[in-house]
Each structure stands twice: as C-alpha cells, then as structure tokens.
C-alpha cells in the first residue's frame, strides 16, 4: 500500500470510534491503517490508485494473473479460484500480493474472531496496518486444483460402471417421462476413492430422499459427474510487478 496523507478536512469519528475518512470501499484511519469495508457493494470493486490497492472478484476480467510464489513462476489457473463461485480479493499493487476478503455473518448473530487489531477495524474485510507493509491476512484464499489421483482411479469407474447403470434406472423410472432437464453434474464424493462401482451406486441411491434421488439420477444421466478437487488454502497469492 502507498504512503498517503490523511484527509483531515473530511475526517469522521462516529461509525468506527476513531478518526477516519471513507473512500469508496476503503476506510483510511489517521493512524495510517486502511481497511476494506464489510459487505460493500460490488461497484466499489475497482482500482484505488492513490492507495495502490485493487479490489476485484476472481470472476472479473480485471482480475490479474495470480501466482503461488513471489517469483511468479507457478501460475494459478483462474478456474481453480472460481470452482465454488467467486472469491473477492484485495490486491496490493505495491507489495504485489493478494489476500481474500473476510466475510461477515452478522444477520445470524455470528462474528468471526479477528486478530487483536482493535475494535475500530472489527468490520474489516481486508486490513493494512500501514503503508509499505504487507496486508494482514484475515481469511484464506481457496485454490481448488484438479486431483489427478482421483481422476485416474475413480473417473473410469464412474464413466464405465456407474453412469450407465444409473442412466438405465432413470430411463425406466416414471420420473423420466415428459420433459425433464438438469443443468448440473452430480458432485462425486472424495470418499469414493477406493469404492467399487456397485458401492458408489448404493451410496447414491440409499442416502437420498426420493426427490433428491430423482434429481441425482437425472443429473448423472444427462451430465455425468463433477469430480472433487484438491483444495489448498493460502494466505497470499502474488502478481507480477506492474500488473
């Protein structure tokens, strides 16, 4: 984050119990601290050039290429960051790193624990203690890469043994009559790694309600399986300088 002079002319106190100035999705405190506001609207995801900070979603075209390592030799494929929907990131364009937003669940009476940063920043989605410093990671970035062992061992069983049987059962059922269409694949379980085809079929059909069983058969018959991925959680990802 860049060094930035505090705007004393427009400072406020009440909302956070500390002198601050709000600039879109960012809050700048007179101590030099900066935080991303909680539950902000999506149109605040943009580049704040005065701060050297970009707020972005992993599904947006403005999201720069991200890497596992600071040397930027191990690229993170974009699909690995969007497997279960978007992730919102705060990107420090000075330190060339990205951190995940911390989400709040106030409507359910829950508030996740924060490091001892002070009550004035308890609503932070992302946080910097000052200029020329790395952001403090308040949440983990999820990277969901393909699991080659699972694909090699289980996918042939699903394709050759499970899907044909489930498809035949679906076509013989009353539920298949008329126009029925599923839009998604059935999520395969990680616990199937050492299972036989019959064990997988039994697991699908015995643990679901009648309605969910019908939906499962439809999804498998029409679209097949969505394979589980190997999930890695990291504090930081990195960008190339000048990205």
Protein backbone atom coordinates (compact mmCIF):
# COMPACT_ATOMS: atom_id res chain seq x y z
CA UNK A 1 0.00 0.00 0.00
CA UNK A 2 1.21 3.50 -0.82
CA UNK A 3 2.02 6.23 1.66
CA UNK A 4 -0.98 8.55 1.73
CA UNK A 5 -1.64 11.78 3.60
CA UNK A 6 -4.68 11.60 5.85
CA UNK A 7 -7.61 13.79 4.79
CA UNK A 8 -8.17 15.84 7.96
CA UNK A 9 -10.69 18.10 6.26
CA UNK A 10 -13.17 15.24 5.76
CA UNK A 11 -12.46 13.08 8.78
CA UNK A 12 -15.22 11.39 10.75
CA UNK A 13 -15.38 9.62 14.11
CA UNK A 14 -18.74 8.07 14.94
CA UNK A 15 -19.01 4.95 12.80
CA UNK A 16 -15.76 3.30 13.89
CA UNK A 17 -14.90 5.17 17.10
CA UNK A 18 -11.72 6.51 15.51
CA UNK A 19 -10.82 9.34 13.14
CA UNK A 20 -11.23 8.07 9.60
CA UNK A 21 -12.04 9.03 6.03
CA UNK A 22 -14.01 6.77 3.66
CA UNK A 23 -13.06 6.48 0.00
CA UNK A 24 -15.42 4.10 -1.78
CA UNK A 25 -14.74 0.63 -0.43
CA UNK A 26 -11.74 1.73 1.65
CA UNK A 27 -11.52 3.34 5.07
CA UNK A 28 -8.35 5.31 5.90
CA UNK A 29 -7.61 5.97 9.60
CA UNK A 30 -5.49 8.79 10.98
CA UNK A 31 -3.14 6.12 12.35
CA UNK A 32 -2.21 5.17 8.77
CA UNK A 33 -4.27 1.97 8.88
CA UNK A 34 -6.51 1.08 5.96
CA UNK A 35 -9.32 -1.46 5.79
CA UNK A 36 -11.80 -2.69 3.21
CA UNK A 37 -15.36 -2.06 4.39
CA UNK A 38 -17.52 -5.03 5.29
CA UNK A 39 -20.32 -6.14 2.95
CA UNK A 40 -19.65 -3.36 0.45
CA UNK A 41 -21.49 -3.10 -2.87
CA UNK A 42 -19.87 -4.69 -5.92
CA UNK A 43 -19.44 -1.37 -7.73
CA UNK A 44 -16.75 -0.46 -5.19
CA UNK A 45 -14.55 -3.19 -6.65
CA UNK A 46 -12.09 -1.08 -8.59
CA UNK A 47 -8.53 0.27 -8.53
CA UNK A 48 -7.75 2.86 -5.85
CA UNK A 49 -4.61 4.29 -7.38
CA UNK A 50 -3.91 6.72 -4.54
CA UNK A 51 -3.69 3.77 -2.17
CA UNK A 52 -2.09 1.33 -4.60
CA UNK A 53 -4.92 -1.13 -3.93
CA UNK A 54 -7.27 -3.02 -6.27
CA UNK A 55 -10.49 -4.69 -5.10
CA UNK A 56 -11.64 -7.37 -7.50
CA UNK A 57 -13.53 -10.64 -7.88
CA UNK A 58 -11.84 -13.73 -9.28
CA UNK A 59 -14.60 -13.95 -11.92
CA UNK A 60 -13.96 -10.46 -13.32
CA UNK A 61 -11.79 -9.83 -16.37
CA UNK A 62 -9.94 -7.14 -14.40
CA UNK A 63 -8.51 -9.79 -12.06
CA UNK A 64 -4.78 -10.05 -12.84
CA UNK A 65 -2.91 -13.31 -13.23
CA UNK A 66 -2.12 -14.77 -9.83
CA UNK A 67 0.78 -16.97 -8.78
CA UNK A 68 1.59 -19.24 -5.85
CA UNK A 69 5.10 -17.87 -5.39
CA UNK A 70 6.52 -14.36 -5.10
CA UNK A 71 8.83 -15.04 -8.06
CA UNK A 72 5.68 -15.62 -10.17
CA UNK A 73 6.79 -18.93 -11.69
CA UNK A 74 3.76 -21.04 -10.59
CA UNK A 75 0.61 -19.71 -12.24
CA UNK A 76 -2.76 -20.29 -10.57
CA UNK A 77 -5.28 -21.21 -13.25
CA UNK A 78 -8.31 -18.93 -13.00
CA UNK A 79 -10.72 -21.87 -12.91
CA UNK A 80 -9.04 -23.02 -9.70
CA UNK A 81 -10.28 -19.85 -8.00
CA UNK A 82 -13.90 -19.98 -9.18
CA UNK A 83 -14.86 -23.64 -8.65
CA UNK A 84 -17.47 -22.86 -5.99
CA UNK A 85 -18.22 -19.30 -7.09
CA UNK A 86 -16.32 -16.05 -6.99
CA UNK A 87 -13.81 -15.02 -4.36
CA UNK A 88 -13.28 -11.35 -3.62
CA UNK A 89 -9.67 -10.24 -3.30
CA UNK A 90 -7.78 -7.17 -2.16
CA UNK A 91 -4.66 -6.76 -4.27
CA UNK A 92 -1.75 -4.69 -3.01
CA UNK A 93 -0.21 -3.19 -6.14
CA UNK A 94 2.85 -2.02 -4.18
CA UNK A 95 3.63 -5.29 -2.42
CA UNK A 96 2.43 -7.34 -5.44
CA UNK A 97 0.24 -9.67 -3.41
CA UNK A 98 -3.42 -10.57 -2.94
CA UNK A 99 -5.46 -11.51 0.12
CA UNK A 100 -9.02 -12.82 0.44
CA UNK A 101 -11.90 -10.83 1.86
CA UNK A 102 -13.04 -11.82 5.31
CA UNK A 103 -16.81 -12.27 5.26
CA UNK A 104 -19.22 -11.27 7.99
CA UNK A 105 -22.31 -13.13 9.13
CA UNK A 106 -23.94 -10.54 11.36
CA UNK A 107 -27.51 -11.41 10.34
CA UNK A 108 -27.12 -14.79 12.01
CA UNK A 109 -25.60 -13.33 15.14
CA UNK A 110 -22.10 -14.54 14.35
CA UNK A 111 -18.89 -12.58 14.05
CA UNK A 112 -15.66 -14.34 13.26
CA UNK A 113 -12.70 -13.75 15.55
CA UNK A 114 -10.16 -11.18 14.38
CA UNK A 115 -6.54 -10.85 15.36
CA UNK A 116 -6.01 -8.24 18.09
CA UNK A 117 -6.13 -5.27 15.73
CA UNK A 118 -8.51 -3.01 17.66
CA UNK A 119 -12.26 -2.55 17.82
CA UNK A 120 -12.20 0.21 15.19
CA UNK A 121 -11.34 -2.34 12.49
CA UNK A 122 -13.52 -5.23 13.64
CA UNK A 123 -15.62 -4.75 10.50
CA UNK A 124 -12.62 -5.10 8.20
CA UNK A 125 -12.84 -7.39 5.17
CA UNK A 126 -9.15 -6.74 4.49
CA UNK A 127 -6.62 -4.75 6.51
CA UNK A 128 -3.28 -2.93 6.29
CA UNK A 129 -1.50 -1.74 9.42
CA UNK A 130 0.22 0.99 7.43
CA UNK A 131 1.94 1.98 4.20
CA UNK A 132 4.75 -0.08 2.67
CA UNK A 133 3.66 -3.19 4.56
CA UNK A 134 2.05 -6.43 3.54
CA UNK A 135 -1.69 -6.66 4.24
CA UNK A 136 -2.66 -8.73 7.25
CA UNK A 137 -4.42 -11.91 6.00
CA UNK A 138 -7.83 -12.13 7.67
CA UNK A 139 -9.09 -15.06 5.57
CA UNK A 140 -7.73 -17.78 3.30
CA UNK A 141 -7.75 -17.84 -0.49
CA UNK A 142 -9.10 -21.18 -1.70
CA UNK A 143 -7.30 -22.78 -4.63
CA UNK A 144 -9.14 -25.84 -5.96
CA UNK A 145 -6.93 -27.70 -8.41
CA UNK A 146 -7.81 -30.98 -10.16
CA UNK A 147 -6.97 -34.13 -8.20
CA UNK A 148 -5.04 -36.35 -10.65
CA UNK A 149 -5.12 -39.43 -8.39
CA UNK A 150 -8.91 -39.27 -8.09
CA UNK A 151 -9.35 -38.67 -11.82
CA UNK A 152 -7.11 -41.60 -12.73
CA UNK A 153 -8.63 -44.08 -10.27
CA UNK A 154 -12.31 -43.15 -9.94
CA UNK A 155 -13.35 -41.50 -13.21
CA UNK A 156 -13.19 -44.77 -15.23
CA UNK A 157 -15.43 -46.43 -12.62
CA UNK A 158 -17.91 -43.57 -12.80
CA UNK A 159 -17.96 -43.45 -16.59
CA UNK A 160 -17.94 -47.19 -17.34
CA UNK A 161 -19.85 -48.70 -14.41
CA UNK A 162 -21.89 -46.15 -12.51
CA UNK A 163 -23.29 -43.77 -15.11
CA UNK A 164 -24.61 -46.49 -17.47
CA UNK A 165 -26.45 -48.26 -14.63
CA UNK A 166 -27.92 -45.06 -13.17
CA UNK A 167 -28.93 -43.87 -16.64
CA UNK A 168 -30.78 -47.13 -17.30
CA UNK A 169 -32.56 -46.86 -13.96
CA UNK A 170 -33.52 -43.27 -14.76
CA UNK A 171 -34.95 -44.17 -18.18
CA UNK A 172 -37.05 -46.95 -16.66
CA UNK A 173 -38.45 -44.73 -13.92
CA UNK A 174 -41.70 -42.79 -14.10
CA UNK A 175 -39.81 -39.61 -13.29
CA UNK A 176 -38.12 -39.67 -16.70
CA UNK A 177 -41.40 -39.33 -18.56
CA UNK A 178 -42.06 -35.97 -20.17
CA UNK A 179 -39.62 -33.06 -20.49
CA UNK A 180 -37.07 -33.15 -17.70
CA UNK A 181 -33.74 -31.39 -17.78
CA UNK A 182 -30.94 -30.96 -15.29
CA UNK A 183 -28.42 -28.15 -15.58
CA UNK A 184 -25.57 -29.51 -13.47
CA UNK A 185 -23.37 -32.52 -12.94
CA UNK A 186 -23.67 -34.67 -9.84
CA UNK A 187 -20.92 -33.93 -7.35
CA UNK A 188 -18.78 -37.00 -6.80
CA UNK A 189 -17.61 -37.70 -3.25
CA UNK A 190 -13.99 -37.81 -2.15
CA UNK A 191 -14.87 -40.89 -0.08
CA UNK A 192 -15.39 -42.88 -3.29
CA UNK A 193 -11.65 -43.10 -3.93
CA UNK A 194 -11.47 -46.81 -3.02
CA UNK A 195 -15.09 -47.77 -3.78
CA UNK A 196 -16.37 -50.19 -6.38
CA UNK A 197 -19.00 -49.19 -8.92
CA UNK A 198 -21.74 -51.01 -7.01
CA UNK A 199 -20.72 -49.38 -3.72
CA UNK A 200 -20.94 -45.95 -5.34
CA UNK A 201 -24.38 -46.72 -6.80
CA UNK A 202 -25.60 -47.93 -3.40
CA UNK A 203 -24.23 -44.79 -1.76
CA UNK A 204 -26.04 -42.54 -4.24
CA UNK A 205 -29.39 -44.31 -4.01
CA UNK A 206 -29.63 -45.19 -0.32
CA UNK A 207 -28.63 -41.93 1.35
CA UNK A 208 -31.00 -39.60 -0.51
CA UNK A 209 -34.70 -38.83 -0.19
CA UNK A 210 -36.93 -39.89 -3.08
CA UNK A 211 -36.94 -36.38 -4.53
CA UNK A 212 -33.18 -35.94 -4.23
CA UNK A 213 -32.65 -39.44 -5.60
CA UNK A 214 -34.64 -38.50 -8.69
CA UNK A 215 -32.66 -35.30 -9.13
CA UNK A 216 -29.39 -37.21 -8.68
CA UNK A 217 -30.30 -39.80 -11.33
CA UNK A 218 -31.35 -37.05 -13.74
CA UNK A 219 -28.09 -35.16 -13.27
CA UNK A 220 -25.96 -38.28 -13.69
CA UNK A 221 -27.89 -39.49 -16.74
CA UNK A 222 -27.78 -36.14 -18.52
CA UNK A 223 -24.46 -34.67 -17.43
CA UNK A 224 -22.35 -37.20 -15.56
CA UNK A 225 -20.17 -36.36 -12.58
CA UNK A 226 -18.34 -33.33 -11.26
CA UNK A 227 -15.08 -34.59 -9.78
CA UNK A 228 -13.85 -33.28 -6.43
CA UNK A 229 -10.79 -31.09 -6.42
CA UNK A 230 -7.81 -30.86 -4.13
CA UNK A 231 -8.34 -27.70 -2.06
CA UNK A 232 -5.39 -25.66 -0.83
CA UNK A 233 -5.87 -22.63 1.41
CA UNK A 234 -3.24 -19.90 1.29
CA UNK A 235 -2.76 -16.53 2.98
CA UNK A 236 -1.32 -14.83 -0.11
CA UNK A 237 -1.17 -15.12 -3.86
CA UNK A 238 1.14 -12.91 -5.89
CA UNK A 239 1.10 -10.76 -9.02
CA UNK A 240 3.86 -9.61 -11.31
CA UNK A 241 5.07 -6.08 -10.65
CA UNK A 242 3.19 -3.54 -12.74
CA UNK A 243 0.25 -5.93 -13.29
